[in-house]
PDB file of all heavy atoms in Angstrom:
ATOM      1  N   ASN A   1      -8.319 -13.276 -10.815  1.00  0.00           N
ATOM      2  CA  ASN A   1      -7.225 -13.089  -9.858  1.00  0.00           C
ATOM      3  C   ASN A   1      -6.312 -11.930 -10.222  1.00  0.00           C
ATOM      4  O   ASN A   1      -5.096 -11.956  -9.971  1.00  0.00           O
ATOM      5  CB  ASN A   1      -6.409 -14.364  -9.709  1.00  0.00           C
ATOM      6  CG  ASN A   1      -7.214 -15.524  -9.175  1.00  0.00           C
ATOM      7  OD1 ASN A   1      -7.944 -15.320  -8.212  1.00  0.00           O
ATOM      8  ND2 ASN A   1      -7.125 -16.639  -9.798  1.00  0.00           N
ATOM      9  N   LYS A   2      -6.896 -10.862 -10.804  1.00  0.00           N
ATOM     10  CA  LYS A   2      -6.132  -9.689 -11.129  1.00  0.00           C
ATOM     11  C   LYS A   2      -6.371  -8.566 -10.164  1.00  0.00           C
ATOM     12  O   LYS A   2      -5.733  -7.531 -10.227  1.00  0.00           O
ATOM     13  CB  LYS A   2      -6.447  -9.260 -12.573  1.00  0.00           C
ATOM     14  CG  LYS A   2      -5.987 -10.233 -13.597  1.00  0.00           C
ATOM     15  CD  LYS A   2      -6.293  -9.842 -15.005  1.00  0.00           C
ATOM     16  CE  LYS A   2      -5.729 -10.883 -15.963  1.00  0.00           C
ATOM     17  NZ  LYS A   2      -6.083 -10.624 -17.337  1.00  0.00           N
ATOM     18  N   LYS A   3      -7.349  -8.744  -9.267  1.00  0.00           N
ATOM     19  CA  LYS A   3      -7.663  -7.747  -8.261  1.00  0.00           C
ATOM     20  C   LYS A   3      -7.877  -8.490  -6.940  1.00  0.00           C
ATOM     21  O   LYS A   3      -8.639  -9.437  -6.867  1.00  0.00           O
ATOM     22  CB  LYS A   3      -8.942  -6.994  -8.639  1.00  0.00           C
ATOM     23  CG  LYS A   3      -9.360  -5.969  -7.550  1.00  0.00           C
ATOM     24  CD  LYS A   3     -10.441  -5.072  -8.064  1.00  0.00           C
ATOM     25  CE  LYS A   3     -10.933  -4.093  -7.025  1.00  0.00           C
ATOM     26  NZ  LYS A   3      -9.946  -3.498  -6.158  1.00  0.00           N
ATOM     27  N   PRO A   4      -7.191  -8.029  -5.887  1.00  0.00           N
ATOM     28  CA  PRO A   4      -7.386  -8.666  -4.584  1.00  0.00           C
ATOM     29  C   PRO A   4      -8.753  -8.363  -3.968  1.00  0.00           C
ATOM     30  O   PRO A   4      -9.423  -7.373  -4.367  1.00  0.00           O
ATOM     31  CB  PRO A   4      -6.266  -8.071  -3.724  1.00  0.00           C
ATOM     32  CG  PRO A   4      -5.936  -6.768  -4.380  1.00  0.00           C
ATOM     33  CD  PRO A   4      -6.219  -6.945  -5.828  1.00  0.00           C
ATOM     34  N   VAL A   5      -9.201  -9.202  -3.075  1.00  0.00           N
ATOM     35  CA  VAL A   5     -10.468  -9.070  -2.424  1.00  0.00           C
ATOM     36  C   VAL A   5     -10.252  -8.513  -1.018  1.00  0.00           C
ATOM     37  O   VAL A   5      -9.470  -9.072  -0.266  1.00  0.00           O
ATOM     38  CB  VAL A   5     -11.196 -10.437  -2.368  1.00  0.00           C
ATOM     39  CG1 VAL A   5     -12.467 -10.359  -1.568  1.00  0.00           C
ATOM     40  CG2 VAL A   5     -11.450 -10.975  -3.737  1.00  0.00           C
ATOM     41  N   ASP A   6     -10.983  -7.427  -0.688  1.00  0.00           N
ATOM     42  CA  ASP A   6     -10.886  -6.910   0.684  1.00  0.00           C
ATOM     43  C   ASP A   6     -11.908  -7.632   1.560  1.00  0.00           C
ATOM     44  O   ASP A   6     -12.752  -8.357   1.047  1.00  0.00           O
ATOM     45  CB  ASP A   6     -11.011  -5.402   0.744  1.00  0.00           C
ATOM     46  CG  ASP A   6     -12.366  -4.898   0.238  1.00  0.00           C
ATOM     47  OD1 ASP A   6     -13.343  -5.667   0.292  1.00  0.00           O
ATOM     48  OD2 ASP A   6     -12.441  -3.734  -0.212  1.00  0.00           O
ATOM     49  N   SER A   7     -11.856  -7.402   2.857  1.00  0.00           N
ATOM     50  CA  SER A   7     -12.742  -8.101   3.767  1.00  0.00           C
ATOM     51  C   SER A   7     -14.197  -7.813   3.516  1.00  0.00           C
ATOM     52  O   SER A   7     -15.073  -8.719   3.625  1.00  0.00           O
ATOM     53  CB  SER A   7     -12.349  -7.829   5.211  1.00  0.00           C
ATOM     54  OG  SER A   7     -12.419  -6.456   5.461  1.00  0.00           O
ATOM     55  N   GLU A   8     -14.541  -6.587   3.148  1.00  0.00           N
ATOM     56  CA  GLU A   8     -15.929  -6.225   2.893  1.00  0.00           C
ATOM     57  C   GLU A   8     -16.460  -7.001   1.668  1.00  0.00           C
ATOM     58  O   GLU A   8     -17.568  -7.526   1.713  1.00  0.00           O
ATOM     59  CB  GLU A   8     -16.053  -4.714   2.684  1.00  0.00           C
ATOM     60  CG  GLU A   8     -17.486  -4.234   2.554  1.00  0.00           C
ATOM     61  CD  GLU A   8     -17.567  -2.722   2.403  1.00  0.00           C
ATOM     62  OE1 GLU A   8     -16.736  -1.983   2.971  1.00  0.00           O
ATOM     63  OE2 GLU A   8     -18.503  -2.270   1.726  1.00  0.00           O
ATOM     64  N   MET A   9     -15.690  -7.033   0.609  1.00  0.00           N
ATOM     65  CA  MET A   9     -16.112  -7.756  -0.596  1.00  0.00           C
ATOM     66  C   MET A   9     -16.186  -9.265  -0.317  1.00  0.00           C
ATOM     67  O   MET A   9     -17.140  -9.945  -0.730  1.00  0.00           O
ATOM     68  CB  MET A   9     -15.155  -7.495  -1.747  1.00  0.00           C
ATOM     69  CG  MET A   9     -15.479  -8.243  -3.031  1.00  0.00           C
ATOM     70  SD  MET A   9     -17.120  -7.915  -3.724  1.00  0.00           S
ATOM     71  CE  MET A   9     -16.848  -6.283  -4.423  1.00  0.00           C
ATOM     72  N   PHE A  10     -15.236  -9.761   0.438  1.00  0.00           N
ATOM     73  CA  PHE A  10     -15.226 -11.213   0.768  1.00  0.00           C
ATOM     74  C   PHE A  10     -16.474 -11.554   1.558  1.00  0.00           C
ATOM     75  O   PHE A  10     -17.176 -12.525   1.228  1.00  0.00           O
ATOM     76  CB  PHE A  10     -13.993 -11.530   1.592  1.00  0.00           C
ATOM     77  CG  PHE A  10     -13.622 -13.000   1.599  1.00  0.00           C
ATOM     78  CD1 PHE A  10     -12.489 -13.426   2.270  1.00  0.00           C
ATOM     79  CD2 PHE A  10     -14.375 -13.969   0.963  1.00  0.00           C
ATOM     80  CE1 PHE A  10     -12.117 -14.764   2.306  1.00  0.00           C
ATOM     81  CE2 PHE A  10     -14.024 -15.335   0.995  1.00  0.00           C
ATOM     82  CZ  PHE A  10     -12.888 -15.701   1.668  1.00  0.00           C
ATOM     83  N   SER A  11     -16.853 -10.741   2.473  1.00  0.00           N
ATOM     84  CA  SER A  11     -18.051 -10.967   3.297  1.00  0.00           C
ATOM     85  C   SER A  11     -19.306 -10.917   2.391  1.00  0.00           C
ATOM     86  O   SER A  11     -20.216 -11.744   2.516  1.00  0.00           O
ATOM     87  CB  SER A  11     -18.139  -9.878   4.359  1.00  0.00           C
ATOM     88  OG  SER A  11     -19.307 -10.045   5.111  1.00  0.00           O
ATOM     89  N   SER A  12     -19.339  -9.971   1.458  1.00  0.00           N
ATOM     90  CA  SER A  12     -20.475  -9.840   0.540  1.00  0.00           C
ATOM     91  C   SER A  12     -20.588 -11.077  -0.369  1.00  0.00           C
ATOM     92  O   SER A  12     -21.690 -11.563  -0.651  1.00  0.00           O
ATOM     93  CB  SER A  12     -20.350  -8.593  -0.334  1.00  0.00           C
ATOM     94  OG  SER A  12     -20.394  -7.445   0.500  1.00  0.00           O
ATOM     95  N   ILE A  13     -19.451 -11.565  -0.822  1.00  0.00           N
ATOM     96  CA  ILE A  13     -19.436 -12.777  -1.680  1.00  0.00           C
ATOM     97  C   ILE A  13     -19.999 -13.955  -0.918  1.00  0.00           C
ATOM     98  O   ILE A  13     -20.838 -14.729  -1.414  1.00  0.00           O
ATOM     99  CB  ILE A  13     -18.000 -13.047  -2.184  1.00  0.00           C
ATOM    100  CG1 ILE A  13     -17.587 -11.981  -3.202  1.00  0.00           C
ATOM    101  CG2 ILE A  13     -17.901 -14.466  -2.774  1.00  0.00           C
ATOM    102  CD1 ILE A  13     -16.125 -11.984  -3.546  1.00  0.00           C
ATOM    103  N   LEU A  14     -19.524 -14.132   0.307  1.00  0.00           N
ATOM    104  CA  LEU A  14     -20.006 -15.241   1.121  1.00  0.00           C
ATOM    105  C   LEU A  14     -21.522 -15.173   1.354  1.00  0.00           C
ATOM    106  O   LEU A  14     -22.267 -16.147   1.303  1.00  0.00           O
ATOM    107  CB  LEU A  14     -19.286 -15.290   2.489  1.00  0.00           C
ATOM    108  CG  LEU A  14     -17.840 -15.689   2.421  1.00  0.00           C
ATOM    109  CD1 LEU A  14     -17.162 -15.440   3.762  1.00  0.00           C
ATOM    110  CD2 LEU A  14     -17.663 -17.139   1.991  1.00  0.00           C
ATOM    111  N   GLU A  15     -22.000 -13.936   1.628  1.00  0.00           N
ATOM    112  CA  GLU A  15     -23.426 -13.742   1.903  1.00  0.00           C
ATOM    113  C   GLU A  15     -24.250 -13.994   0.650  1.00  0.00           C
ATOM    114  O   GLU A  15     -25.319 -14.636   0.701  1.00  0.00           O
ATOM    115  CB  GLU A  15     -23.649 -12.322   2.378  1.00  0.00           C
ATOM    116  CG  GLU A  15     -25.070 -12.063   2.844  1.00  0.00           C
ATOM    117  CD  GLU A  15     -25.255 -10.675   3.419  1.00  0.00           C
ATOM    118  OE1 GLU A  15     -24.338 -10.194   4.118  1.00  0.00           O
ATOM    119  OE2 GLU A  15     -26.328 -10.095   3.188  1.00  0.00           O
ATOM    120  N   LEU A  16     -23.792 -13.504  -0.516  1.00  0.00           N
ATOM    121  CA  LEU A  16     -24.563 -13.648  -1.743  1.00  0.00           C
ATOM    122  C   LEU A  16     -24.501 -15.063  -2.322  1.00  0.00           C
ATOM    123  O   LEU A  16     -25.542 -15.652  -2.703  1.00  0.00           O
ATOM    124  CB  LEU A  16     -24.065 -12.658  -2.779  1.00  0.00           C
ATOM    125  CG  LEU A  16     -24.733 -12.747  -4.157  1.00  0.00           C
ATOM    126  CD1 LEU A  16     -26.202 -12.395  -4.091  1.00  0.00           C
ATOM    127  CD2 LEU A  16     -23.985 -11.876  -5.184  1.00  0.00           C
ATOM    128  N   LEU A  17     -23.312 -15.620  -2.424  1.00  0.00           N
ATOM    129  CA  LEU A  17     -23.153 -16.879  -3.143  1.00  0.00           C
ATOM    130  C   LEU A  17     -23.104 -18.106  -2.223  1.00  0.00           C
ATOM    131  O   LEU A  17     -23.226 -19.235  -2.724  1.00  0.00           O
ATOM    132  CB  LEU A  17     -21.875 -16.810  -3.981  1.00  0.00           C
ATOM    133  CG  LEU A  17     -21.852 -15.729  -5.027  1.00  0.00           C
ATOM    134  CD1 LEU A  17     -20.504 -15.714  -5.764  1.00  0.00           C
ATOM    135  CD2 LEU A  17     -23.001 -15.853  -5.984  1.00  0.00           C
ATOM    136  N   GLY A  18     -22.903 -17.922  -0.947  1.00  0.00           N
ATOM    137  CA  GLY A  18     -22.794 -19.048  -0.028  1.00  0.00           C
ATOM    138  C   GLY A  18     -21.409 -19.667  -0.146  1.00  0.00           C
ATOM    139  O   GLY A  18     -20.494 -19.152  -0.760  1.00  0.00           O
ATOM    140  N   GLY A  19     -21.281 -20.836   0.443  1.00  0.00           N
ATOM    141  CA  GLY A  19     -19.977 -21.498   0.525  1.00  0.00           C
ATOM    142  C   GLY A  19     -19.207 -21.059   1.734  1.00  0.00           C
ATOM    143  O   GLY A  19     -19.672 -20.184   2.496  1.00  0.00           O
ATOM    144  N   THR A  20     -18.048 -21.623   1.930  1.00  0.00           N
ATOM    145  CA  THR A  20     -17.242 -21.300   3.095  1.00  0.00           C
ATOM    146  C   THR A  20     -16.030 -20.487   2.666  1.00  0.00           C
ATOM    147  O   THR A  20     -15.566 -20.580   1.512  1.00  0.00           O
ATOM    148  CB  THR A  20     -16.740 -22.563   3.817  1.00  0.00           C
ATOM    149  OG1 THR A  20     -15.875 -23.310   2.947  1.00  0.00           O
ATOM    150  CG2 THR A  20     -17.906 -23.453   4.272  1.00  0.00           C
ATOM    151  N   ALA A  21     -15.494 -19.730   3.593  1.00  0.00           N
ATOM    152  CA  ALA A  21     -14.273 -18.966   3.332  1.00  0.00           C
ATOM    153  C   ALA A  21     -13.158 -19.926   2.940  1.00  0.00           C
ATOM    154  O   ALA A  21     -12.337 -19.622   2.054  1.00  0.00           O
ATOM    155  CB  ALA A  21     -13.874 -18.136   4.540  1.00  0.00           C
ATOM    156  N   ASP A  22     -13.068 -21.075   3.617  1.00  0.00           N
ATOM    157  CA  ASP A  22     -12.051 -22.073   3.274  1.00  0.00           C
ATOM    158  C   ASP A  22     -12.098 -22.499   1.822  1.00  0.00           C
ATOM    159  O   ASP A  22     -11.069 -22.720   1.207  1.00  0.00           O
ATOM    160  CB  ASP A  22     -12.152 -23.290   4.196  1.00  0.00           C
ATOM    161  CG  ASP A  22     -11.651 -23.021   5.613  1.00  0.00           C
ATOM    162  OD1 ASP A  22     -10.758 -22.171   5.765  1.00  0.00           O
ATOM    163  OD2 ASP A  22     -12.175 -23.652   6.543  1.00  0.00           O
ATOM    164  N   TYR A  23     -13.287 -22.624   1.268  1.00  0.00           N
ATOM    165  CA  TYR A  23     -13.437 -22.983  -0.117  1.00  0.00           C
ATOM    166  C   TYR A  23     -12.857 -21.907  -1.029  1.00  0.00           C
ATOM    167  O   TYR A  23     -12.074 -22.201  -1.942  1.00  0.00           O
ATOM    168  CB  TYR A  23     -14.890 -23.227  -0.480  1.00  0.00           C
ATOM    169  CG  TYR A  23     -15.172 -23.449  -1.960  1.00  0.00           C
ATOM    170  CD1 TYR A  23     -14.757 -24.638  -2.577  1.00  0.00           C
ATOM    171  CD2 TYR A  23     -15.755 -22.473  -2.746  1.00  0.00           C
ATOM    172  CE1 TYR A  23     -14.959 -24.837  -3.924  1.00  0.00           C
ATOM    173  CE2 TYR A  23     -15.981 -22.683  -4.100  1.00  0.00           C
ATOM    174  CZ  TYR A  23     -15.564 -23.846  -4.666  1.00  0.00           C
ATOM    175  OH  TYR A  23     -15.754 -24.047  -6.022  1.00  0.00           O
ATOM    176  N   TYR A  24     -13.246 -20.675  -0.784  1.00  0.00           N
ATOM    177  CA  TYR A  24     -12.748 -19.573  -1.625  1.00  0.00           C
ATOM    178  C   TYR A  24     -11.234 -19.350  -1.482  1.00  0.00           C
ATOM    179  O   TYR A  24     -10.597 -18.827  -2.395  1.00  0.00           O
ATOM    180  CB  TYR A  24     -13.483 -18.279  -1.323  1.00  0.00           C
ATOM    181  CG  TYR A  24     -14.943 -18.270  -1.758  1.00  0.00           C
ATOM    182  CD1 TYR A  24     -15.959 -18.484  -0.885  1.00  0.00           C
ATOM    183  CD2 TYR A  24     -15.232 -18.048  -3.109  1.00  0.00           C
ATOM    184  CE1 TYR A  24     -17.297 -18.495  -1.293  1.00  0.00           C
ATOM    185  CE2 TYR A  24     -16.582 -18.041  -3.544  1.00  0.00           C
ATOM    186  CZ  TYR A  24     -17.578 -18.283  -2.632  1.00  0.00           C
ATOM    187  OH  TYR A  24     -18.885 -18.294  -3.061  1.00  0.00           O
ATOM    188  N   MET A  25     -10.689 -19.794  -0.332  1.00  0.00           N
ATOM    189  CA  MET A  25      -9.257 -19.625  -0.115  1.00  0.00           C
ATOM    190  C   MET A  25      -8.464 -20.864  -0.598  1.00  0.00           C
ATOM    191  O   MET A  25      -7.243 -20.909  -0.511  1.00  0.00           O
ATOM    192  CB  MET A  25      -8.947 -19.405   1.360  1.00  0.00           C
ATOM    193  CG  MET A  25      -9.593 -18.129   1.907  1.00  0.00           C
ATOM    194  SD  MET A  25      -9.052 -16.656   1.039  1.00  0.00           S
ATOM    195  CE  MET A  25      -7.349 -16.604   1.455  1.00  0.00           C
ATOM    196  N   GLY A  26      -9.174 -21.870  -1.125  1.00  0.00           N
ATOM    197  CA  GLY A  26      -8.511 -23.060  -1.682  1.00  0.00           C
ATOM    198  C   GLY A  26      -8.100 -24.090  -0.659  1.00  0.00           C
ATOM    199  O   GLY A  26      -7.330 -24.986  -0.988  1.00  0.00           O
ATOM    200  N   ARG A  27      -8.595 -24.011   0.539  1.00  0.00           N
ATOM    201  CA  ARG A  27      -8.214 -24.972   1.561  1.00  0.00           C
ATOM    202  C   ARG A  27      -9.054 -26.263   1.502  1.00  0.00           C
ATOM    203  O   ARG A  27      -8.654 -27.297   2.050  1.00  0.00           O
ATOM    204  CB  ARG A  27      -8.355 -24.359   2.950  1.00  0.00           C
ATOM    205  CG  ARG A  27      -7.377 -23.191   3.150  1.00  0.00           C
ATOM    206  CD  ARG A  27      -7.333 -22.755   4.578  1.00  0.00           C
ATOM    207  NE  ARG A  27      -6.565 -23.728   5.333  1.00  0.00           N
ATOM    208  CZ  ARG A  27      -6.610 -23.853   6.636  1.00  0.00           C
ATOM    209  NH1 ARG A  27      -7.391 -23.108   7.347  1.00  0.00           N
ATOM    210  NH2 ARG A  27      -5.894 -24.787   7.252  1.00  0.00           N
ATOM    211  N   VAL A  28     -10.208 -26.196   0.890  1.00  0.00           N
ATOM    212  CA  VAL A  28     -11.099 -27.362   0.743  1.00  0.00           C
ATOM    213  C   VAL A  28     -11.693 -27.384  -0.650  1.00  0.00           C
ATOM    214  O   VAL A  28     -11.778 -26.367  -1.317  1.00  0.00           O
ATOM    215  CB  VAL A  28     -12.233 -27.387   1.801  1.00  0.00           C
ATOM    216  CG1 VAL A  28     -11.686 -27.508   3.207  1.00  0.00           C
ATOM    217  CG2 VAL A  28     -13.143 -26.177   1.694  1.00  0.00           C
ATOM    218  N   GLU A  29     -12.115 -28.570  -1.084  1.00  0.00           N
ATOM    219  CA  GLU A  29     -12.720 -28.705  -2.425  1.00  0.00           C
ATOM    220  C   GLU A  29     -14.248 -28.585  -2.349  1.00  0.00           C
ATOM    221  O   GLU A  29     -14.854 -28.221  -3.345  1.00  0.00           O
ATOM    222  CB  GLU A  29     -12.311 -30.043  -3.040  1.00  0.00           C
ATOM    223  CG  GLU A  29     -10.844 -30.141  -3.348  1.00  0.00           C
ATOM    224  CD  GLU A  29     -10.354 -29.055  -4.298  1.00  0.00           C
ATOM    225  OE1 GLU A  29     -11.019 -28.806  -5.307  1.00  0.00           O
ATOM    226  OE2 GLU A  29      -9.282 -28.468  -3.988  1.00  0.00           O
ATOM    227  N   ASP A  30     -14.841 -28.951  -1.267  1.00  0.00           N
ATOM    228  CA  ASP A  30     -16.286 -28.885  -1.097  1.00  0.00           C
ATOM    229  C   ASP A  30     -16.663 -27.454  -0.677  1.00  0.00           C
ATOM    230  O   ASP A  30     -16.216 -26.994   0.370  1.00  0.00           O
ATOM    231  CB  ASP A  30     -16.731 -29.895  -0.034  1.00  0.00           C
ATOM    232  CG  ASP A  30     -18.232 -29.965   0.150  1.00  0.00           C
ATOM    233  OD1 ASP A  30     -18.943 -28.934  -0.030  1.00  0.00           O
ATOM    234  OD2 ASP A  30     -18.744 -31.042   0.463  1.00  0.00           O
ATOM    235  N   PRO A  31     -17.504 -26.754  -1.447  1.00  0.00           N
ATOM    236  CA  PRO A  31     -17.818 -25.366  -1.123  1.00  0.00           C
ATOM    237  C   PRO A  31     -18.567 -25.196   0.209  1.00  0.00           C
ATOM    238  O   PRO A  31     -18.629 -24.081   0.734  1.00  0.00           O
ATOM    239  CB  PRO A  31     -18.715 -24.926  -2.255  1.00  0.00           C
ATOM    240  CG  PRO A  31     -18.719 -25.988  -3.266  1.00  0.00           C
ATOM    241  CD  PRO A  31     -18.140 -27.207  -2.681  1.00  0.00           C
ATOM    242  N   TYR A  32     -19.137 -26.256   0.738  1.00  0.00           N
ATOM    243  CA  TYR A  32     -19.975 -26.101   1.900  1.00  0.00           C
ATOM    244  C   TYR A  32     -19.409 -26.728   3.201  1.00  0.00           C
ATOM    245  O   TYR A  32     -20.132 -26.904   4.141  1.00  0.00           O
ATOM    246  CB  TYR A  32     -21.366 -26.685   1.608  1.00  0.00           C
ATOM    247  CG  TYR A  32     -21.964 -26.066   0.374  1.00  0.00           C
ATOM    248  CD1 TYR A  32     -21.978 -26.708  -0.839  1.00  0.00           C
ATOM    249  CD2 TYR A  32     -22.429 -24.739   0.428  1.00  0.00           C
ATOM    250  CE1 TYR A  32     -22.475 -26.100  -1.989  1.00  0.00           C
ATOM    251  CE2 TYR A  32     -22.921 -24.124  -0.706  1.00  0.00           C
ATOM    252  CZ  TYR A  32     -22.951 -24.795  -1.910  1.00  0.00           C
ATOM    253  OH  TYR A  32     -23.429 -24.185  -3.025  1.00  0.00           O
ATOM    254  N   ILE A  33     -18.128 -27.008   3.180  1.00  0.00           N
ATOM    255  CA  ILE A  33     -17.508 -27.575   4.386  1.00  0.00           C
ATOM    256  C   ILE A  33     -16.211 -26.786   4.682  1.00  0.00           C
ATOM    257  O   ILE A  33     -15.568 -26.288   3.783  1.00  0.00           O
ATOM    258  CB  ILE A  33     -17.210 -29.103   4.177  1.00  0.00           C
ATOM    259  CG1 ILE A  33     -16.870 -29.758   5.511  1.00  0.00           C
ATOM    260  CG2 ILE A  33     -16.142 -29.319   3.174  1.00  0.00           C
ATOM    261  CD1 ILE A  33     -16.918 -31.288   5.437  1.00  0.00           C
TER     262      ILE A  33
END
């Protein structure tokens, strides 16, 4: 958490690792919902 994520990187992370944006943003505990 020392470097912010831009939309392009966020999109790449979702594509590579899977999970939902809500999970990475801390809104849910289950990575796939």
